[in-house]
N, C-alpha and C. Protein backbone atom coordinates (compact mmCIF):
# COMPACT_ATOMS: atom_id res chain seq x y z
N MET A 1 0.75 -1.05 -0.08
CA MET A 1 0.07 0.08 -0.03
C MET A 1 0.89 1.11 -0.13
N ASN A 2 0.43 2.17 -0.74
CA ASN A 2 1.18 3.61 -0.92
C ASN A 2 0.77 4.43 0.13
N LEU A 3 1.54 5.42 0.44
CA LEU A 3 1.09 6.61 1.35
C LEU A 3 1.69 7.94 0.41
N ILE A 4 0.96 8.66 0.81
CA ILE A 4 1.85 10.18 0.23
C ILE A 4 1.68 11.17 1.29
N ALA A 5 2.78 12.10 1.16
CA ALA A 5 3.56 12.92 2.25
C ALA A 5 3.19 14.39 1.34
N PHE A 6 2.64 15.34 2.12
CA PHE A 6 2.64 16.89 1.51
C PHE A 6 3.42 17.60 2.29
N ASP A 7 4.51 18.39 2.02
CA ASP A 7 5.17 19.35 2.91
C ASP A 7 4.76 20.73 2.28
N GLN A 8 3.66 21.33 2.69
CA GLN A 8 3.57 22.68 1.74
C GLN A 8 4.20 23.83 2.54
N SER A 9 4.15 24.80 1.28
CA SER A 9 4.54 26.58 1.97
C SER A 9 3.74 27.16 0.76
N THR A 10 4.22 28.36 1.10
CA THR A 10 3.01 29.27 0.24
C THR A 10 3.55 29.49 -1.01
N THR A 11 4.92 28.98 -1.57
CA THR A 11 5.31 28.77 -2.90
C THR A 11 5.50 27.39 -3.56
N ALA A 12 5.60 26.70 -2.51
CA ALA A 12 5.57 25.26 -3.03
C ALA A 12 5.31 24.12 -2.25
N THR A 13 5.05 23.22 -2.75
CA THR A 13 4.46 21.83 -1.98
C THR A 13 5.17 20.67 -2.42
N GLY A 14 6.13 20.36 -1.72
CA GLY A 14 6.97 18.98 -1.76
C GLY A 14 5.87 17.76 -1.35
N TRP A 15 6.11 16.75 -2.34
CA TRP A 15 5.04 15.55 -2.03
C TRP A 15 6.21 14.48 -2.41
N CYS A 16 5.88 13.24 -1.74
CA CYS A 16 6.56 11.87 -1.77
C CYS A 16 5.38 10.62 -1.75
N VAL A 17 5.52 9.74 -2.51
CA VAL A 17 4.53 8.61 -2.49
C VAL A 17 5.55 7.57 -2.32
N MET A 18 5.05 6.76 -1.19
CA MET A 18 6.01 5.91 -0.79
C MET A 18 5.39 4.18 -0.47
N GLU A 19 6.11 3.31 -0.80
CA GLU A 19 5.50 1.94 -0.43
C GLU A 19 5.47 2.01 1.33
N MET A 20 4.42 1.82 2.23
CA MET A 20 4.52 1.84 3.23
C MET A 20 5.04 0.76 4.12
N ASP A 21 5.44 -0.72 3.36
CA ASP A 21 5.94 -1.85 3.97
C ASP A 21 7.20 -1.93 3.79
N SER A 22 7.91 -1.20 2.69
CA SER A 22 9.09 -1.38 2.26
C SER A 22 10.07 0.26 2.28
N SER A 23 9.37 1.48 2.49
CA SER A 23 10.06 2.58 2.54
C SER A 23 10.72 2.93 1.12
N LYS A 24 10.23 2.27 0.04
CA LYS A 24 10.56 2.51 -1.17
C LYS A 24 9.89 3.78 -1.85
N ILE A 25 10.63 4.82 -2.35
CA ILE A 25 10.09 5.59 -3.14
C ILE A 25 9.51 5.37 -4.37
N VAL A 26 7.88 5.50 -4.52
CA VAL A 26 7.65 5.23 -5.99
C VAL A 26 7.67 6.73 -6.64
N ALA A 27 7.41 7.78 -6.33
CA ALA A 27 7.75 9.04 -6.95
C ALA A 27 7.89 10.21 -6.08
N TYR A 28 8.02 11.12 -6.55
CA TYR A 28 8.42 12.44 -5.48
C TYR A 28 8.21 13.60 -6.61
N GLY A 29 8.09 14.69 -6.08
CA GLY A 29 8.28 16.08 -6.80
C GLY A 29 7.91 17.52 -5.99
N ALA A 30 7.83 18.29 -6.67
CA ALA A 30 7.17 19.74 -6.09
C ALA A 30 6.08 20.18 -6.74
N ILE A 31 5.09 21.02 -6.17
CA ILE A 31 4.25 21.61 -7.01
C ILE A 31 4.66 23.09 -6.78
N HIS A 32 4.75 23.84 -7.86
CA HIS A 32 4.89 25.26 -7.77
C HIS A 32 4.21 25.91 -8.34
N PRO A 33 2.89 26.43 -7.88
CA PRO A 33 1.81 26.87 -8.44
C PRO A 33 2.27 28.46 -8.82
N ILE A 34 1.38 29.26 -9.63
CA ILE A 34 1.45 30.71 -9.77
C ILE A 34 0.18 31.06 -9.90
N GLY A 35 0.32 32.64 -9.75
CA GLY A 35 -1.00 33.27 -9.70
C GLY A 35 -1.48 33.96 -8.21
N THR A 36 -2.76 34.36 -7.85
CA THR A 36 -2.80 34.96 -6.89
C THR A 36 -2.90 34.02 -5.83
N THR A 37 -3.11 34.35 -4.52
CA THR A 37 -3.22 33.28 -3.33
C THR A 37 -4.04 32.15 -3.67
N ASN A 38 -5.41 32.57 -3.78
CA ASN A 38 -6.63 31.42 -4.21
C ASN A 38 -6.25 30.75 -5.39
N GLU A 39 -5.98 31.00 -6.32
CA GLU A 39 -5.25 30.61 -7.59
C GLU A 39 -4.22 29.53 -7.55
N ARG A 40 -3.36 29.68 -6.65
CA ARG A 40 -2.08 29.02 -6.27
C ARG A 40 -2.69 27.90 -5.29
N ILE A 41 -3.71 27.84 -4.68
CA ILE A 41 -4.10 27.07 -3.44
C ILE A 41 -4.94 26.07 -4.41
N ARG A 42 -5.90 26.86 -5.46
CA ARG A 42 -6.63 26.08 -6.13
C ARG A 42 -5.70 24.73 -6.89
N ILE A 43 -4.78 25.32 -7.59
CA ILE A 43 -3.87 24.70 -8.53
C ILE A 43 -3.01 23.49 -7.55
N THR A 44 -2.67 23.83 -6.28
CA THR A 44 -2.28 22.88 -5.54
C THR A 44 -3.03 21.65 -5.10
N ILE A 45 -4.25 22.27 -4.86
CA ILE A 45 -5.10 21.30 -4.45
C ILE A 45 -5.60 20.23 -5.29
N LYS A 46 -5.74 20.61 -6.75
CA LYS A 46 -5.96 20.06 -7.84
C LYS A 46 -4.95 19.10 -8.25
N LYS A 47 -3.72 19.67 -7.87
CA LYS A 47 -2.31 18.27 -8.24
C LYS A 47 -2.58 17.66 -7.19
N CYS A 48 -2.52 18.02 -5.83
CA CYS A 48 -2.55 16.91 -4.97
C CYS A 48 -3.64 15.72 -4.77
N MET A 49 -4.59 16.28 -5.39
CA MET A 49 -5.89 15.27 -5.64
C MET A 49 -5.57 14.21 -6.57
N THR A 50 -5.09 14.94 -7.72
CA THR A 50 -4.38 13.97 -8.82
C THR A 50 -3.46 13.05 -8.64
N LEU A 51 -2.55 13.57 -7.77
CA LEU A 51 -1.31 12.53 -7.17
C LEU A 51 -2.00 11.64 -6.30
N CYS A 52 -3.00 11.84 -5.74
CA CYS A 52 -3.55 10.51 -4.71
C CYS A 52 -4.28 9.59 -5.38
N LYS A 53 -4.90 10.25 -6.54
CA LYS A 53 -5.68 9.15 -7.51
C LYS A 53 -4.76 8.31 -8.16
N LYS A 54 -3.60 9.27 -8.89
CA LYS A 54 -2.80 8.60 -9.89
C LYS A 54 -2.04 7.18 -9.14
N PHE A 55 -1.56 7.83 -8.06
CA PHE A 55 -0.39 6.48 -7.47
C PHE A 55 -1.37 6.02 -6.12
N GLU A 56 -2.79 5.89 -6.45
CA GLU A 56 -3.68 4.80 -5.66
C GLU A 56 -3.30 4.83 -4.02
N VAL A 57 -3.02 5.88 -3.50
CA VAL A 57 -2.35 5.93 -2.09
C VAL A 57 -3.59 5.42 -1.16
N GLY A 58 -3.01 5.37 0.07
CA GLY A 58 -4.22 4.49 1.07
C GLY A 58 -4.42 5.81 2.11
N PHE A 59 -3.00 6.32 2.35
CA PHE A 59 -2.92 6.96 3.27
C PHE A 59 -2.55 8.81 3.14
N VAL A 60 -2.94 9.65 3.54
CA VAL A 60 -2.23 11.13 3.18
C VAL A 60 -1.71 11.53 4.27
N PHE A 61 -0.38 12.08 4.30
CA PHE A 61 -0.23 12.96 5.47
C PHE A 61 0.19 14.53 4.97
N ILE A 62 -0.21 15.23 5.68
CA ILE A 62 -0.27 16.52 5.31
C ILE A 62 0.50 17.31 6.76
N GLU A 63 1.70 18.19 6.43
CA GLU A 63 2.15 18.78 7.50
C GLU A 63 1.27 19.88 8.07
N GLY A 64 1.19 19.79 9.22
CA GLY A 64 0.34 20.82 10.16
C GLY A 64 1.18 22.20 10.05
N ILE A 65 0.26 23.15 10.17
CA ILE A 65 1.18 24.59 10.09
C ILE A 65 1.54 24.83 11.50
N GLN A 66 2.95 25.62 11.22
CA GLN A 66 3.01 26.14 12.79
C GLN A 66 2.76 27.57 12.60
N ILE A 67 2.99 28.41 14.11
CA ILE A 67 3.01 29.66 14.04
C ILE A 67 3.90 30.54 13.51
N GLN A 68 3.62 31.21 12.65
CA GLN A 68 4.20 32.41 11.58
C GLN A 68 4.46 33.33 12.42
N ARG A 69 5.71 34.12 11.76
CA ARG A 69 5.71 35.41 12.39
C ARG A 69 4.82 36.47 11.27
N ASN A 70 4.38 36.06 10.07
CA ASN A 70 3.69 36.78 9.14
C ASN A 70 2.70 36.42 9.29
N PRO A 71 1.56 37.04 9.65
CA PRO A 71 0.32 36.57 9.62
C PRO A 71 -0.43 36.16 8.49
N LYS A 72 -0.03 36.94 7.38
CA LYS A 72 -0.57 36.46 6.01
C LYS A 72 -0.06 35.01 5.56
N VAL A 73 1.04 34.68 5.88
CA VAL A 73 1.50 33.41 5.60
C VAL A 73 0.67 32.51 6.11
N TYR A 74 0.86 32.51 7.88
CA TYR A 74 -0.09 31.81 8.46
C TYR A 74 -1.48 31.41 7.92
N GLU A 75 -2.29 32.64 7.33
CA GLU A 75 -3.73 32.27 6.79
C GLU A 75 -3.61 31.66 5.63
N ILE A 76 -2.74 32.12 4.87
CA ILE A 76 -2.47 31.28 3.34
C ILE A 76 -2.27 29.61 3.85
N LEU A 77 -1.49 29.30 4.90
CA LEU A 77 -1.06 28.06 4.92
C LEU A 77 -2.29 27.00 5.60
N ALA A 78 -2.91 28.07 6.61
CA ALA A 78 -3.97 27.41 7.03
C ALA A 78 -5.34 27.05 6.18
N LYS A 79 -5.30 27.96 5.19
CA LYS A 79 -6.43 28.00 4.19
C LYS A 79 -6.10 26.56 3.25
N LEU A 80 -4.79 26.60 3.00
CA LEU A 80 -4.37 25.49 2.06
C LEU A 80 -4.26 24.02 3.02
N GLU A 81 -3.89 24.10 4.07
CA GLU A 81 -3.89 23.05 5.14
C GLU A 81 -5.43 22.37 4.99
N GLY A 82 -6.23 23.30 5.76
CA GLY A 82 -7.66 22.99 5.83
C GLY A 82 -8.54 22.57 4.59
N THR A 83 -8.05 23.13 3.59
CA THR A 83 -9.05 22.72 2.35
C THR A 83 -8.46 21.31 1.54
N LEU A 84 -7.38 21.02 1.77
CA LEU A 84 -6.55 20.12 1.15
C LEU A 84 -7.16 18.99 2.08
N GLU A 85 -7.12 19.04 3.36
CA GLU A 85 -7.77 17.95 4.37
C GLU A 85 -9.05 17.77 3.74
N ILE A 86 -10.09 18.64 4.05
CA ILE A 86 -11.36 18.34 3.69
C ILE A 86 -11.71 17.57 2.30
N CYS A 87 -10.95 18.25 1.31
CA CYS A 87 -11.26 17.76 -0.07
C CYS A 87 -10.96 16.34 -0.40
N LEU A 88 -9.57 15.95 0.24
CA LEU A 88 -9.12 14.79 0.28
C LEU A 88 -10.22 13.93 1.15
N GLU A 89 -10.67 14.02 2.50
CA GLU A 89 -11.52 13.24 3.22
C GLU A 89 -12.82 13.05 2.48
N GLU A 90 -13.28 13.97 1.84
CA GLU A 90 -14.41 13.97 1.04
C GLU A 90 -14.31 12.90 0.03
N LYS A 91 -13.08 12.67 -0.50
CA LYS A 91 -12.77 11.46 -1.64
C LYS A 91 -12.43 10.23 -1.01
N GLY A 92 -12.62 10.26 0.15
CA GLY A 92 -12.36 8.90 0.99
C GLY A 92 -11.23 8.54 1.43
N TYR A 93 -10.18 9.48 1.43
CA TYR A 93 -8.85 9.02 1.96
C TYR A 93 -8.72 9.38 3.26
N PHE A 94 -7.86 8.57 3.73
CA PHE A 94 -7.58 8.46 5.28
C PHE A 94 -6.39 9.73 5.50
N VAL A 95 -6.61 10.72 6.00
CA VAL A 95 -5.78 11.99 6.09
C VAL A 95 -5.30 12.14 7.59
N ASN A 96 -3.94 12.45 7.45
CA ASN A 96 -3.46 12.36 8.87
C ASN A 96 -2.71 14.08 8.79
N VAL A 97 -2.84 15.21 9.96
CA VAL A 97 -2.39 16.27 9.73
C VAL A 97 -1.23 15.89 10.94
N VAL A 98 -0.05 16.13 10.65
CA VAL A 98 0.97 15.93 11.61
C VAL A 98 2.02 16.93 11.63
N LYS A 99 2.45 17.38 13.02
CA LYS A 99 3.21 18.48 13.29
C LYS A 99 4.77 18.50 12.53
N ALA A 100 5.32 19.11 12.15
CA ALA A 100 6.68 19.22 11.36
C ALA A 100 7.53 18.38 12.62
N ALA A 101 7.48 18.89 13.84
CA ALA A 101 8.66 18.41 14.90
C ALA A 101 8.33 16.70 14.86
N GLU A 102 7.07 16.56 14.68
CA GLU A 102 6.87 15.02 15.17
C GLU A 102 7.56 13.78 13.94
N TRP A 103 7.28 14.34 12.92
CA TRP A 103 7.81 13.57 11.81
C TRP A 103 9.30 13.57 11.61
N ARG A 104 9.69 15.06 11.94
CA ARG A 104 11.31 15.12 12.06
C ARG A 104 11.88 14.33 13.08
N LYS A 105 11.03 14.36 14.20
CA LYS A 105 12.06 13.55 15.38
C LYS A 105 12.04 11.82 14.75
N ARG A 106 10.87 11.49 14.25
CA ARG A 106 10.71 10.48 14.02
C ARG A 106 11.97 9.77 12.99
N VAL A 107 12.44 10.68 11.97
CA VAL A 107 13.56 10.13 11.44
C VAL A 107 14.79 10.86 11.72
N GLY A 108 14.70 11.33 12.92
CA GLY A 108 16.05 11.79 13.29
C GLY A 108 16.51 12.64 12.97
N ILE A 109 16.12 14.00 12.87
CA ILE A 109 16.41 15.22 12.56
C ILE A 109 16.54 15.75 13.81
N LYS A 110 17.56 16.57 14.14
CA LYS A 110 18.02 17.06 15.68
C LYS A 110 17.83 18.48 15.67
N ASN A 111 18.20 19.13 14.53
CA ASN A 111 18.46 20.46 14.24
C ASN A 111 17.09 21.33 14.47
N LYS A 112 17.17 22.52 14.96
CA LYS A 112 15.80 23.09 15.11
C LYS A 112 15.77 24.43 14.37
N LYS A 113 16.95 25.01 13.98
CA LYS A 113 16.95 26.31 13.16
C LYS A 113 16.66 25.87 11.55
N ARG A 114 16.10 26.53 11.13
CA ARG A 114 15.03 26.13 9.81
C ARG A 114 16.10 25.88 8.66
N GLU A 115 17.27 26.89 8.55
CA GLU A 115 18.46 26.50 7.29
C GLU A 115 19.27 25.31 7.98
N LEU A 116 19.39 24.89 9.26
CA LEU A 116 20.03 23.89 9.53
C LEU A 116 19.12 22.55 9.06
N VAL A 117 17.71 22.79 9.55
CA VAL A 117 16.84 21.38 9.27
C VAL A 117 16.90 21.03 7.75
N LYS A 118 16.77 22.20 7.04
CA LYS A 118 16.73 21.90 5.71
C LYS A 118 17.92 21.22 5.17
N GLN A 119 19.24 21.59 5.51
CA GLN A 119 20.24 20.84 5.03
C GLN A 119 20.21 19.63 5.49
N GLU A 120 19.89 19.18 7.00
CA GLU A 120 20.12 17.94 7.58
C GLU A 120 19.06 17.16 6.67
N ALA A 121 18.06 17.69 6.11
CA ALA A 121 16.83 16.69 5.52
C ALA A 121 17.76 16.49 4.10
N ILE A 122 18.48 17.50 3.62
CA ILE A 122 19.08 17.00 2.28
C ILE A 122 20.16 15.89 2.46
N ASP A 123 20.76 16.11 3.39
CA ASP A 123 21.76 15.37 3.69
C ASP A 123 21.55 13.95 3.96
N LEU A 124 20.47 13.68 4.57
CA LEU A 124 19.95 12.71 5.11
C LEU A 124 19.17 12.00 3.83
N VAL A 125 18.39 12.50 2.97
CA VAL A 125 18.09 11.90 1.72
C VAL A 125 19.12 11.60 0.88
N LYS A 126 20.28 11.96 0.77
CA LYS A 126 21.30 11.76 0.09
C LYS A 126 22.02 10.45 0.55
N GLU A 127 22.02 10.40 1.86
CA GLU A 127 22.35 9.23 2.67
C GLU A 127 21.52 7.83 2.30
N LEU A 128 20.61 8.09 2.60
CA LEU A 128 19.48 6.85 2.97
C LEU A 128 18.97 6.55 1.31
N TYR A 129 18.90 7.33 0.16
CA TYR A 129 18.63 7.09 -0.90
C TYR A 129 19.44 7.55 -2.15
N ASP A 130 20.59 7.96 -1.78
CA ASP A 130 21.35 8.61 -2.81
C ASP A 130 20.67 9.36 -3.76
N LEU A 131 19.90 10.59 -3.33
CA LEU A 131 19.35 11.09 -4.53
C LEU A 131 19.66 12.63 -3.99
N GLU A 132 19.34 13.58 -4.96
CA GLU A 132 19.90 14.81 -4.58
C GLU A 132 18.66 15.85 -4.68
N PRO A 133 17.50 15.80 -4.49
CA PRO A 133 16.32 16.65 -4.78
C PRO A 133 16.34 18.13 -4.42
N SER A 134 15.34 18.78 -4.51
CA SER A 134 15.21 20.03 -3.75
C SER A 134 14.82 19.96 -2.39
N GLU A 135 14.95 21.08 -1.56
CA GLU A 135 14.64 20.71 -0.15
C GLU A 135 13.46 20.67 0.32
N ASP A 136 12.38 21.05 -0.62
CA ASP A 136 11.11 20.85 -0.48
C ASP A 136 11.09 19.35 -0.84
N GLU A 137 11.62 18.43 -1.71
CA GLU A 137 11.14 17.11 -2.02
C GLU A 137 12.12 16.49 -0.92
N CYS A 138 13.25 16.80 -0.61
CA CYS A 138 13.72 15.86 0.72
C CYS A 138 12.73 15.92 1.89
N GLU A 139 12.39 17.04 2.38
CA GLU A 139 11.64 17.22 3.31
C GLU A 139 10.19 16.33 3.26
N ALA A 140 9.67 16.29 2.03
CA ALA A 140 8.48 15.34 1.68
C ALA A 140 8.88 13.89 1.65
N ILE A 141 10.00 13.44 1.07
CA ILE A 141 10.63 12.08 1.25
C ILE A 141 10.81 11.61 2.62
N LEU A 142 11.30 12.36 3.59
CA LEU A 142 11.55 12.16 4.74
C LEU A 142 10.16 12.09 5.56
N PHE A 143 9.52 13.14 5.48
CA PHE A 143 7.98 13.10 5.98
C PHE A 143 7.12 11.68 5.84
N ALA A 144 7.40 11.36 4.20
CA ALA A 144 6.72 9.92 3.91
C ALA A 144 7.64 8.75 4.76
N LYS A 145 8.69 8.78 4.85
CA LYS A 145 9.69 7.89 5.63
C LYS A 145 9.15 7.70 7.12
N ALA A 146 8.99 8.72 7.49
CA ALA A 146 8.68 8.71 8.86
C ALA A 146 7.24 8.02 9.33
N PHE A 147 6.40 7.60 8.42
CA PHE A 147 5.47 6.72 8.68
C PHE A 147 5.09 5.37 7.83
N CYS A 148 6.47 4.98 7.25
CA CYS A 148 6.68 3.52 6.72
C CYS A 148 7.22 2.71 7.50
N ALA A 149 7.21 1.50 7.52
CA ALA A 149 7.83 0.57 8.33
C ALA A 149 9.24 0.78 8.53
């Protein structure tokens, strides 16, 4: 059975589909929508829904939002997370919203500072999978791995 993990931000959403029992990467990538805020959210939601259907996932993991210094960023992320969660549940997917700290702990990321966390994720994906994806994709890969065997 496959799972998919989405690591969203205001400009990109990293995603990874992984086999749950083997931690084998099926596919990964990042969604980079353009347009107004609502257009970017619509594009992201539609692409996420398409990925879930295409890869026949059984479980969906969405990174929970964190308190942001910028209230507008927080509002955008809340709108994206909530809309994605509801749309996927409406289609019958089992959706889990997980705090970043929780999945990072599960894969052994120890740093707290944003730039160090990003680099640690890149290094860990290189070590585990011998891949060099973008930082958004690396975080999605590790997020998916956190909930596999």
